[in-house]
């Protein structure tokens, strides 16, 4: 038993020292990826389409509201109620459209960015395996990075073809 404890005490430090630790700032790297710029351009186009439609709906509501205000004094009570209900329904449609648009935009962005995240993860894994790292941490979320940890940002950028 005493020999086992001595053997473990001798081998354990060698095992710990054989581990390689690296870090990479995935946020910085992600922002530099050309694929992200392509996704941003696609998302700008999609968002612009929704904004155009929303603007048209708001302009239509504004026009109907101005017509209502102009004619309100001469309207019969029944017609006033119908016009008010129409305006409220239009406002609700606009709100529903806005909410749906936000959800669609968010879903599309996640859909378009998923392959980019996967590509980044594969590149980090490839560098880690090729260079024999035991652990690679995200330096964007690290509280402390010791001197013996290697910054793998340049190696992963090279893996991704980013200059």
N, C-alpha and C. Protein backbone atom coordinates (compact mmCIF):
# COMPACT_ATOMS: atom_id res chain seq x y z
N UNK A 1 0.83 -1.19 0.00
CA UNK A 1 0.00 0.00 0.00
C UNK A 1 0.87 1.25 0.00
N UNK A 2 1.95 1.20 0.81
CA UNK A 2 2.85 2.35 0.91
C UNK A 2 3.53 2.61 -0.43
N UNK A 3 3.86 1.52 -1.16
CA UNK A 3 4.51 1.66 -2.47
C UNK A 3 3.54 2.29 -3.48
N UNK A 4 2.25 1.92 -3.41
CA UNK A 4 1.25 2.47 -4.30
C UNK A 4 1.09 3.97 -4.09
N UNK A 5 1.06 4.40 -2.85
CA UNK A 5 0.95 5.83 -2.54
C UNK A 5 2.17 6.58 -3.04
N UNK A 6 3.34 6.02 -2.87
CA UNK A 6 4.58 6.66 -3.35
C UNK A 6 4.56 6.73 -4.87
N UNK A 7 4.11 5.66 -5.53
CA UNK A 7 4.06 5.65 -6.99
C UNK A 7 3.09 6.71 -7.51
N UNK A 8 1.93 6.79 -6.88
CA UNK A 8 0.95 7.81 -7.27
C UNK A 8 1.50 9.21 -7.04
N UNK A 9 2.18 9.40 -5.92
CA UNK A 9 2.75 10.70 -5.61
C UNK A 9 3.82 11.10 -6.62
N UNK A 10 4.53 10.13 -7.18
CA UNK A 10 5.56 10.43 -8.18
C UNK A 10 4.97 10.63 -9.57
N UNK A 11 3.96 9.86 -9.92
CA UNK A 11 3.39 9.90 -11.26
C UNK A 11 2.41 11.06 -11.43
N UNK A 12 1.65 11.39 -10.41
CA UNK A 12 0.63 12.44 -10.51
C UNK A 12 1.20 13.77 -10.98
N UNK A 13 2.28 14.28 -10.42
CA UNK A 13 2.81 15.55 -10.93
C UNK A 13 3.23 15.48 -12.39
N UNK A 14 3.73 14.34 -12.83
CA UNK A 14 4.13 14.20 -14.24
C UNK A 14 2.91 14.22 -15.14
N UNK A 15 1.82 13.61 -14.69
CA UNK A 15 0.60 13.59 -15.48
C UNK A 15 0.02 14.99 -15.62
N UNK A 16 0.03 15.75 -14.53
CA UNK A 16 -0.51 17.11 -14.56
C UNK A 16 0.35 18.01 -15.44
N UNK A 17 1.67 17.86 -15.33
CA UNK A 17 2.54 18.74 -16.11
C UNK A 17 2.51 18.40 -17.59
N UNK A 18 2.07 17.19 -17.97
CA UNK A 18 2.01 16.81 -19.37
C UNK A 18 0.80 17.41 -20.08
N UNK A 19 -0.12 17.96 -19.34
CA UNK A 19 -1.31 18.54 -19.94
C UNK A 19 -0.99 19.91 -20.52
N UNK A 20 -1.56 20.18 -21.70
CA UNK A 20 -1.38 21.49 -22.33
C UNK A 20 -2.71 22.23 -22.25
N UNK A 21 -2.62 23.49 -21.89
CA UNK A 21 -3.80 24.33 -21.78
C UNK A 21 -3.69 25.48 -22.77
N UNK A 22 -4.77 25.75 -23.44
CA UNK A 22 -4.80 26.86 -24.38
C UNK A 22 -6.08 27.66 -24.19
N UNK A 23 -6.10 28.82 -24.80
CA UNK A 23 -7.30 29.66 -24.75
C UNK A 23 -7.45 30.38 -26.06
N UNK A 24 -8.68 30.72 -26.37
CA UNK A 24 -8.98 31.47 -27.58
C UNK A 24 -10.20 32.35 -27.28
N UNK A 25 -10.17 33.56 -27.76
CA UNK A 25 -11.29 34.48 -27.58
C UNK A 25 -12.26 34.24 -28.73
N UNK A 26 -13.28 33.43 -28.46
CA UNK A 26 -14.22 33.06 -29.52
C UNK A 26 -15.06 34.24 -30.00
N UNK A 27 -15.32 35.19 -29.13
CA UNK A 27 -16.10 36.36 -29.53
C UNK A 27 -15.33 37.18 -30.57
N UNK A 28 -14.07 37.44 -30.29
CA UNK A 28 -13.22 38.19 -31.22
C UNK A 28 -13.07 37.43 -32.53
N UNK A 29 -12.82 36.15 -32.43
CA UNK A 29 -12.63 35.32 -33.61
C UNK A 29 -13.90 35.25 -34.45
N UNK A 30 -15.03 35.07 -33.78
CA UNK A 30 -16.32 34.99 -34.46
C UNK A 30 -16.59 36.25 -35.28
N UNK A 31 -16.29 37.40 -34.70
CA UNK A 31 -16.54 38.68 -35.37
C UNK A 31 -15.64 38.87 -36.59
N UNK A 32 -14.52 38.17 -36.64
CA UNK A 32 -13.58 38.31 -37.75
C UNK A 32 -13.86 37.33 -38.88
N UNK A 33 -14.76 36.40 -38.66
CA UNK A 33 -15.04 35.39 -39.67
C UNK A 33 -15.82 36.01 -40.84
N UNK A 34 -15.36 35.78 -42.09
CA UNK A 34 -16.07 36.32 -43.25
C UNK A 34 -17.51 35.82 -43.34
N UNK A 35 -17.77 34.61 -42.87
CA UNK A 35 -19.13 34.05 -42.92
C UNK A 35 -20.10 34.90 -42.11
N UNK A 36 -19.61 35.50 -41.03
CA UNK A 36 -20.46 36.33 -40.18
C UNK A 36 -20.88 37.59 -40.94
N UNK A 37 -19.98 38.15 -41.72
CA UNK A 37 -20.31 39.34 -42.52
C UNK A 37 -21.37 39.00 -43.57
N UNK A 38 -21.29 37.80 -44.15
CA UNK A 38 -22.31 37.38 -45.12
C UNK A 38 -23.67 37.24 -44.45
N UNK A 39 -23.68 36.65 -43.26
CA UNK A 39 -24.93 36.48 -42.52
C UNK A 39 -25.50 37.85 -42.17
N UNK A 40 -24.64 38.77 -41.75
CA UNK A 40 -25.10 40.12 -41.40
C UNK A 40 -25.75 40.79 -42.61
N UNK A 41 -25.14 40.64 -43.78
CA UNK A 41 -25.72 41.23 -45.00
C UNK A 41 -27.09 40.62 -45.30
N UNK A 42 -27.21 39.30 -45.15
CA UNK A 42 -28.50 38.64 -45.38
C UNK A 42 -29.54 39.13 -44.37
N UNK A 43 -29.12 39.25 -43.13
CA UNK A 43 -30.04 39.68 -42.08
C UNK A 43 -30.47 41.14 -42.30
N UNK A 44 -29.57 41.97 -42.77
CA UNK A 44 -29.93 43.36 -43.06
C UNK A 44 -31.00 43.42 -44.14
N UNK A 45 -30.87 42.58 -45.16
CA UNK A 45 -31.87 42.53 -46.24
C UNK A 45 -33.23 42.08 -45.71
N UNK A 46 -33.22 41.02 -44.92
CA UNK A 46 -34.47 40.49 -44.34
C UNK A 46 -35.13 41.53 -43.45
N UNK A 47 -34.32 42.15 -42.59
CA UNK A 47 -34.86 43.16 -41.67
C UNK A 47 -35.42 44.34 -42.45
N UNK A 48 -34.75 44.73 -43.50
CA UNK A 48 -35.22 45.84 -44.32
C UNK A 48 -36.59 45.54 -44.95
N UNK A 49 -36.78 44.30 -45.38
CA UNK A 49 -38.07 43.91 -45.96
C UNK A 49 -39.18 44.03 -44.92
N UNK A 50 -38.92 43.55 -43.72
CA UNK A 50 -39.92 43.66 -42.66
C UNK A 50 -40.19 45.12 -42.30
N UNK A 51 -39.13 45.93 -42.24
CA UNK A 51 -39.30 47.35 -41.90
C UNK A 51 -40.13 48.06 -42.96
N UNK A 52 -39.92 47.73 -44.22
CA UNK A 52 -40.69 48.33 -45.31
C UNK A 52 -42.18 48.01 -45.16
N UNK A 53 -42.47 46.73 -44.91
CA UNK A 53 -43.85 46.32 -44.73
C UNK A 53 -44.48 47.00 -43.52
N UNK A 54 -43.73 47.07 -42.43
CA UNK A 54 -44.23 47.70 -41.21
C UNK A 54 -44.51 49.18 -41.44
N UNK A 55 -43.63 49.84 -42.15
CA UNK A 55 -43.82 51.26 -42.47
C UNK A 55 -45.08 51.48 -43.29
N UNK A 56 -45.31 50.61 -44.26
CA UNK A 56 -46.52 50.72 -45.08
C UNK A 56 -47.77 50.54 -44.23
N UNK A 57 -47.75 49.60 -43.33
CA UNK A 57 -48.90 49.35 -42.45
C UNK A 57 -49.15 50.55 -41.53
N UNK A 58 -48.07 51.12 -41.00
CA UNK A 58 -48.21 52.28 -40.11
C UNK A 58 -48.72 53.50 -40.87
N UNK A 59 -48.26 53.68 -42.11
CA UNK A 59 -48.73 54.81 -42.92
C UNK A 59 -50.22 54.66 -43.23
N UNK A 60 -50.63 53.42 -43.52
CA UNK A 60 -52.05 53.18 -43.77
C UNK A 60 -52.89 53.49 -42.53
N UNK A 61 -52.42 53.06 -41.37
CA UNK A 61 -53.12 53.36 -40.12
C UNK A 61 -53.20 54.86 -39.90
N UNK A 62 -52.11 55.56 -40.11
CA UNK A 62 -52.08 57.02 -39.92
C UNK A 62 -53.06 57.70 -40.86
N UNK A 63 -53.13 57.24 -42.10
CA UNK A 63 -54.05 57.82 -43.08
C UNK A 63 -55.50 57.61 -42.64
N UNK A 64 -55.82 56.39 -42.23
CA UNK A 64 -57.19 56.09 -41.78
C UNK A 64 -57.54 56.88 -40.52
N UNK A 65 -56.57 57.05 -39.63
CA UNK A 65 -56.80 57.81 -38.41
C UNK A 65 -57.07 59.28 -38.74
N UNK A 66 -56.32 59.84 -39.66
CA UNK A 66 -56.53 61.23 -40.07
C UNK A 66 -57.90 61.40 -40.71
N UNK A 67 -58.29 60.43 -41.53
CA UNK A 67 -59.63 60.48 -42.14
C UNK A 67 -60.71 60.43 -41.05
N UNK A 68 -60.50 59.58 -40.08
CA UNK A 68 -61.45 59.46 -38.97
C UNK A 68 -61.56 60.79 -38.22
N UNK A 69 -60.42 61.38 -37.90
CA UNK A 69 -60.43 62.66 -37.18
C UNK A 69 -61.13 63.75 -38.00
N UNK A 70 -60.87 63.76 -39.29
CA UNK A 70 -61.46 64.77 -40.17
C UNK A 70 -62.99 64.64 -40.22
N UNK A 71 -63.48 63.40 -40.26
CA UNK A 71 -64.91 63.17 -40.44
C UNK A 71 -65.66 62.87 -39.14
N UNK A 72 -64.97 62.79 -38.03
CA UNK A 72 -65.56 62.37 -36.76
C UNK A 72 -66.77 63.22 -36.36
N UNK A 73 -66.65 64.51 -36.52
CA UNK A 73 -67.71 65.42 -36.06
C UNK A 73 -69.04 65.18 -36.80
N UNK A 74 -68.96 64.73 -38.03
CA UNK A 74 -70.19 64.55 -38.82
C UNK A 74 -70.67 63.10 -38.88
N UNK A 75 -69.96 62.20 -38.23
CA UNK A 75 -70.31 60.77 -38.30
C UNK A 75 -71.43 60.43 -37.32
N UNK A 76 -72.22 59.47 -37.71
CA UNK A 76 -73.23 58.91 -36.83
C UNK A 76 -72.50 58.04 -35.81
N UNK A 77 -73.12 57.85 -34.63
CA UNK A 77 -72.48 57.09 -33.57
C UNK A 77 -72.13 55.67 -33.99
N UNK A 78 -72.99 55.00 -34.72
CA UNK A 78 -72.73 53.62 -35.17
C UNK A 78 -71.52 53.56 -36.08
N UNK A 79 -71.42 54.51 -37.00
CA UNK A 79 -70.29 54.57 -37.93
C UNK A 79 -69.00 54.89 -37.19
N UNK A 80 -69.09 55.77 -36.18
CA UNK A 80 -67.92 56.10 -35.36
C UNK A 80 -67.36 54.84 -34.70
N UNK A 81 -68.26 54.04 -34.13
CA UNK A 81 -67.83 52.82 -33.45
C UNK A 81 -67.16 51.85 -34.43
N UNK A 82 -67.73 51.74 -35.61
CA UNK A 82 -67.16 50.85 -36.63
C UNK A 82 -65.75 51.33 -37.01
N UNK A 83 -65.62 52.64 -37.24
CA UNK A 83 -64.31 53.20 -37.63
C UNK A 83 -63.30 53.04 -36.49
N UNK A 84 -63.73 53.25 -35.25
CA UNK A 84 -62.83 53.09 -34.11
C UNK A 84 -62.37 51.63 -34.00
N UNK A 85 -63.31 50.71 -34.22
CA UNK A 85 -62.97 49.29 -34.15
C UNK A 85 -61.98 48.94 -35.27
N UNK A 86 -62.19 49.48 -36.46
CA UNK A 86 -61.27 49.25 -37.58
C UNK A 86 -59.86 49.73 -37.23
N UNK A 87 -59.79 50.91 -36.62
CA UNK A 87 -58.49 51.47 -36.25
C UNK A 87 -57.80 50.59 -35.18
N UNK A 88 -58.58 50.13 -34.22
CA UNK A 88 -58.02 49.26 -33.18
C UNK A 88 -57.52 47.94 -33.77
N UNK A 89 -58.29 47.38 -34.70
CA UNK A 89 -57.89 46.13 -35.34
C UNK A 89 -56.62 46.31 -36.17
N UNK A 90 -56.54 47.45 -36.85
CA UNK A 90 -55.32 47.73 -37.62
C UNK A 90 -54.12 47.84 -36.69
N UNK A 91 -54.32 48.51 -35.55
CA UNK A 91 -53.23 48.65 -34.58
C UNK A 91 -52.81 47.29 -34.05
N UNK A 92 -53.77 46.42 -33.80
CA UNK A 92 -53.46 45.07 -33.32
C UNK A 92 -52.72 44.26 -34.38
N UNK A 93 -53.12 44.40 -35.65
CA UNK A 93 -52.42 43.70 -36.74
C UNK A 93 -50.98 44.17 -36.84
N UNK A 94 -50.78 45.46 -36.67
CA UNK A 94 -49.43 45.99 -36.72
C UNK A 94 -48.59 45.42 -35.58
N UNK A 95 -49.16 45.38 -34.39
CA UNK A 95 -48.45 44.84 -33.23
C UNK A 95 -48.13 43.35 -33.43
N UNK A 96 -49.10 42.62 -33.95
CA UNK A 96 -48.89 41.19 -34.22
C UNK A 96 -47.80 41.00 -35.28
N UNK A 97 -47.86 41.81 -36.33
CA UNK A 97 -46.85 41.75 -37.39
C UNK A 97 -45.47 42.03 -36.81
N UNK A 98 -45.36 43.05 -35.97
CA UNK A 98 -44.09 43.43 -35.37
C UNK A 98 -43.52 42.28 -34.53
N UNK A 99 -44.37 41.68 -33.71
CA UNK A 99 -43.93 40.57 -32.86
C UNK A 99 -43.50 39.38 -33.70
N UNK A 100 -44.29 39.06 -34.71
CA UNK A 100 -43.97 37.94 -35.59
C UNK A 100 -42.67 38.21 -36.36
N UNK A 101 -42.51 39.43 -36.81
CA UNK A 101 -41.29 39.80 -37.54
C UNK A 101 -40.05 39.63 -36.66
N UNK A 102 -40.14 40.10 -35.43
CA UNK A 102 -39.01 39.94 -34.51
C UNK A 102 -38.65 38.48 -34.32
N UNK A 103 -39.67 37.65 -34.13
CA UNK A 103 -39.44 36.22 -33.94
C UNK A 103 -38.84 35.58 -35.19
N UNK A 104 -39.37 35.94 -36.35
CA UNK A 104 -38.85 35.41 -37.61
C UNK A 104 -37.39 35.81 -37.83
N UNK A 105 -37.09 37.06 -37.55
CA UNK A 105 -35.72 37.56 -37.73
C UNK A 105 -34.77 36.82 -36.80
N UNK A 106 -35.17 36.66 -35.56
CA UNK A 106 -34.33 35.97 -34.59
C UNK A 106 -34.11 34.50 -34.99
N UNK A 107 -35.17 33.84 -35.43
CA UNK A 107 -35.08 32.44 -35.85
C UNK A 107 -34.16 32.31 -37.06
N UNK A 108 -34.31 33.21 -38.03
CA UNK A 108 -33.49 33.16 -39.24
C UNK A 108 -32.03 33.41 -38.91
N UNK A 109 -31.76 34.33 -38.00
CA UNK A 109 -30.39 34.63 -37.61
C UNK A 109 -29.75 33.40 -36.96
N UNK A 110 -30.47 32.75 -36.07
CA UNK A 110 -29.96 31.54 -35.44
C UNK A 110 -29.70 30.45 -36.48
N UNK A 111 -30.61 30.33 -37.41
CA UNK A 111 -30.48 29.34 -38.48
C UNK A 111 -29.24 29.60 -39.34
N UNK A 112 -29.01 30.86 -39.68
CA UNK A 112 -27.87 31.21 -40.53
C UNK A 112 -26.53 31.14 -39.79
N UNK A 113 -26.56 31.42 -38.48
CA UNK A 113 -25.32 31.42 -37.71
C UNK A 113 -24.91 30.04 -37.20
N UNK A 114 -25.84 29.10 -37.18
CA UNK A 114 -25.52 27.76 -36.66
C UNK A 114 -24.34 27.12 -37.40
N UNK A 115 -24.30 27.14 -38.73
CA UNK A 115 -23.15 26.54 -39.42
C UNK A 115 -21.84 27.30 -39.13
N UNK A 116 -21.93 28.59 -38.89
CA UNK A 116 -20.74 29.39 -38.59
C UNK A 116 -20.19 28.98 -37.22
N UNK A 117 -21.07 28.83 -36.24
CA UNK A 117 -20.66 28.37 -34.91
C UNK A 117 -20.02 26.98 -35.00
N UNK A 118 -20.63 26.12 -35.81
CA UNK A 118 -20.12 24.76 -35.98
C UNK A 118 -18.73 24.79 -36.63
N UNK A 119 -18.57 25.63 -37.62
CA UNK A 119 -17.27 25.76 -38.29
C UNK A 119 -16.20 26.23 -37.31
N UNK A 120 -16.55 27.19 -36.47
CA UNK A 120 -15.61 27.70 -35.47
C UNK A 120 -15.23 26.60 -34.47
N UNK A 121 -16.23 25.87 -34.00
CA UNK A 121 -15.97 24.79 -33.04
C UNK A 121 -15.06 23.72 -33.66
N UNK A 122 -15.31 23.37 -34.92
CA UNK A 122 -14.49 22.36 -35.59
C UNK A 122 -13.04 22.85 -35.75
N UNK A 123 -12.87 24.13 -36.05
CA UNK A 123 -11.52 24.67 -36.21
C UNK A 123 -10.77 24.64 -34.88
N UNK A 124 -11.44 25.00 -33.81
CA UNK A 124 -10.80 24.97 -32.48
C UNK A 124 -10.43 23.54 -32.13
N UNK A 125 -11.34 22.63 -32.39
CA UNK A 125 -11.07 21.22 -32.09
C UNK A 125 -9.91 20.70 -32.92
N UNK A 126 -9.86 21.06 -34.20
CA UNK A 126 -8.77 20.62 -35.08
C UNK A 126 -7.42 21.11 -34.58
N UNK A 127 -7.35 22.37 -34.17
CA UNK A 127 -6.10 22.93 -33.64
C UNK A 127 -5.73 22.22 -32.35
N UNK A 128 -6.70 22.00 -31.49
CA UNK A 128 -6.45 21.32 -30.23
C UNK A 128 -5.91 19.92 -30.42
N UNK A 129 -6.53 19.17 -31.33
CA UNK A 129 -6.08 17.81 -31.58
C UNK A 129 -4.72 17.78 -32.26
N UNK A 130 -4.53 18.66 -33.24
CA UNK A 130 -3.26 18.69 -33.99
C UNK A 130 -2.08 19.06 -33.09
N UNK A 131 -2.32 20.00 -32.16
CA UNK A 131 -1.22 20.49 -31.33
C UNK A 131 -1.19 19.86 -29.94
N UNK A 132 -2.08 18.92 -29.69
CA UNK A 132 -2.03 18.14 -28.46
C UNK A 132 -2.48 18.86 -27.20
N UNK A 133 -3.50 19.72 -27.31
CA UNK A 133 -4.01 20.42 -26.13
C UNK A 133 -5.02 19.56 -25.39
N UNK A 134 -4.89 19.53 -24.08
CA UNK A 134 -5.84 18.80 -23.24
C UNK A 134 -7.12 19.61 -23.08
N UNK A 135 -6.96 20.91 -22.84
CA UNK A 135 -8.10 21.81 -22.66
C UNK A 135 -7.87 23.09 -23.45
N UNK A 136 -8.94 23.57 -24.06
CA UNK A 136 -8.92 24.90 -24.68
C UNK A 136 -10.11 25.64 -24.10
N UNK A 137 -9.82 26.77 -23.48
CA UNK A 137 -10.86 27.57 -22.82
C UNK A 137 -11.18 28.81 -23.65
N UNK A 138 -12.36 29.36 -23.42
CA UNK A 138 -12.73 30.62 -24.07
C UNK A 138 -12.21 31.76 -23.21
N UNK A 139 -11.25 32.50 -23.72
CA UNK A 139 -10.64 33.56 -22.93
C UNK A 139 -11.58 34.73 -22.70
N UNK A 140 -12.65 34.82 -23.47
CA UNK A 140 -13.63 35.90 -23.25
C UNK A 140 -14.34 35.72 -21.92
N UNK A 141 -14.40 34.49 -21.42
CA UNK A 141 -15.11 34.22 -20.18
C UNK A 141 -14.17 33.87 -19.02
N UNK A 142 -12.89 34.02 -19.23
CA UNK A 142 -11.91 33.64 -18.20
C UNK A 142 -11.69 34.78 -17.21
N UNK A 143 -11.54 34.41 -15.97
CA UNK A 143 -11.24 35.37 -14.93
C UNK A 143 -9.73 35.60 -14.85
N UNK A 144 -8.98 34.53 -15.06
CA UNK A 144 -7.51 34.62 -15.00
C UNK A 144 -6.93 33.64 -16.02
N UNK A 145 -5.92 34.09 -16.72
CA UNK A 145 -5.20 33.23 -17.65
C UNK A 145 -3.73 33.26 -17.25
N UNK A 146 -3.21 32.10 -16.88
CA UNK A 146 -1.82 32.00 -16.45
C UNK A 146 -0.85 32.11 -17.60
N UNK A 147 0.41 32.29 -17.26
CA UNK A 147 1.46 32.44 -18.27
C UNK A 147 1.70 31.16 -19.06
N UNK A 148 1.36 30.00 -18.47
CA UNK A 148 1.63 28.74 -19.15
C UNK A 148 0.50 28.33 -20.11
N UNK A 149 -0.57 29.12 -20.19
CA UNK A 149 -1.65 28.86 -21.15
C UNK A 149 -1.32 29.54 -22.46
N UNK A 150 -1.56 28.87 -23.55
CA UNK A 150 -1.21 29.38 -24.88
C UNK A 150 -2.44 30.01 -25.54
N UNK A 151 -2.23 31.18 -26.13
CA UNK A 151 -3.30 31.83 -26.88
C UNK A 151 -3.34 31.18 -28.26
N UNK A 152 -4.42 30.52 -28.56
CA UNK A 152 -4.56 29.80 -29.83
C UNK A 152 -5.28 30.60 -30.90
N UNK A 153 -5.56 31.85 -30.63
CA UNK A 153 -6.28 32.68 -31.61
C UNK A 153 -5.57 32.68 -32.96
N UNK A 154 -4.27 32.91 -33.02
CA UNK A 154 -3.60 32.90 -34.34
C UNK A 154 -3.71 31.54 -35.04
N UNK A 155 -3.58 30.45 -34.31
CA UNK A 155 -3.65 29.12 -34.92
C UNK A 155 -5.05 28.82 -35.45
N UNK A 156 -6.08 29.21 -34.70
CA UNK A 156 -7.46 28.97 -35.14
C UNK A 156 -7.80 29.88 -36.31
N UNK A 157 -7.31 31.11 -36.29
CA UNK A 157 -7.52 32.01 -37.43
C UNK A 157 -6.91 31.40 -38.69
N UNK A 158 -5.73 30.84 -38.55
CA UNK A 158 -5.07 30.20 -39.68
C UNK A 158 -5.89 29.01 -40.16
N UNK A 159 -6.41 28.21 -39.23
CA UNK A 159 -7.25 27.06 -39.56
C UNK A 159 -8.49 27.49 -40.35
N UNK A 160 -9.03 28.65 -39.99
CA UNK A 160 -10.23 29.16 -40.66
C UNK A 160 -9.91 29.97 -41.92
N UNK A 161 -8.63 30.23 -42.14
CA UNK A 161 -8.24 31.02 -43.32
C UNK A 161 -8.44 32.51 -43.13
N UNK A 162 -8.44 32.98 -41.89
CA UNK A 162 -8.61 34.40 -41.59
C UNK A 162 -7.24 35.02 -41.42
N UNK A 163 -7.03 36.16 -42.05
CA UNK A 163 -5.73 36.84 -41.93
C UNK A 163 -5.77 37.91 -40.90
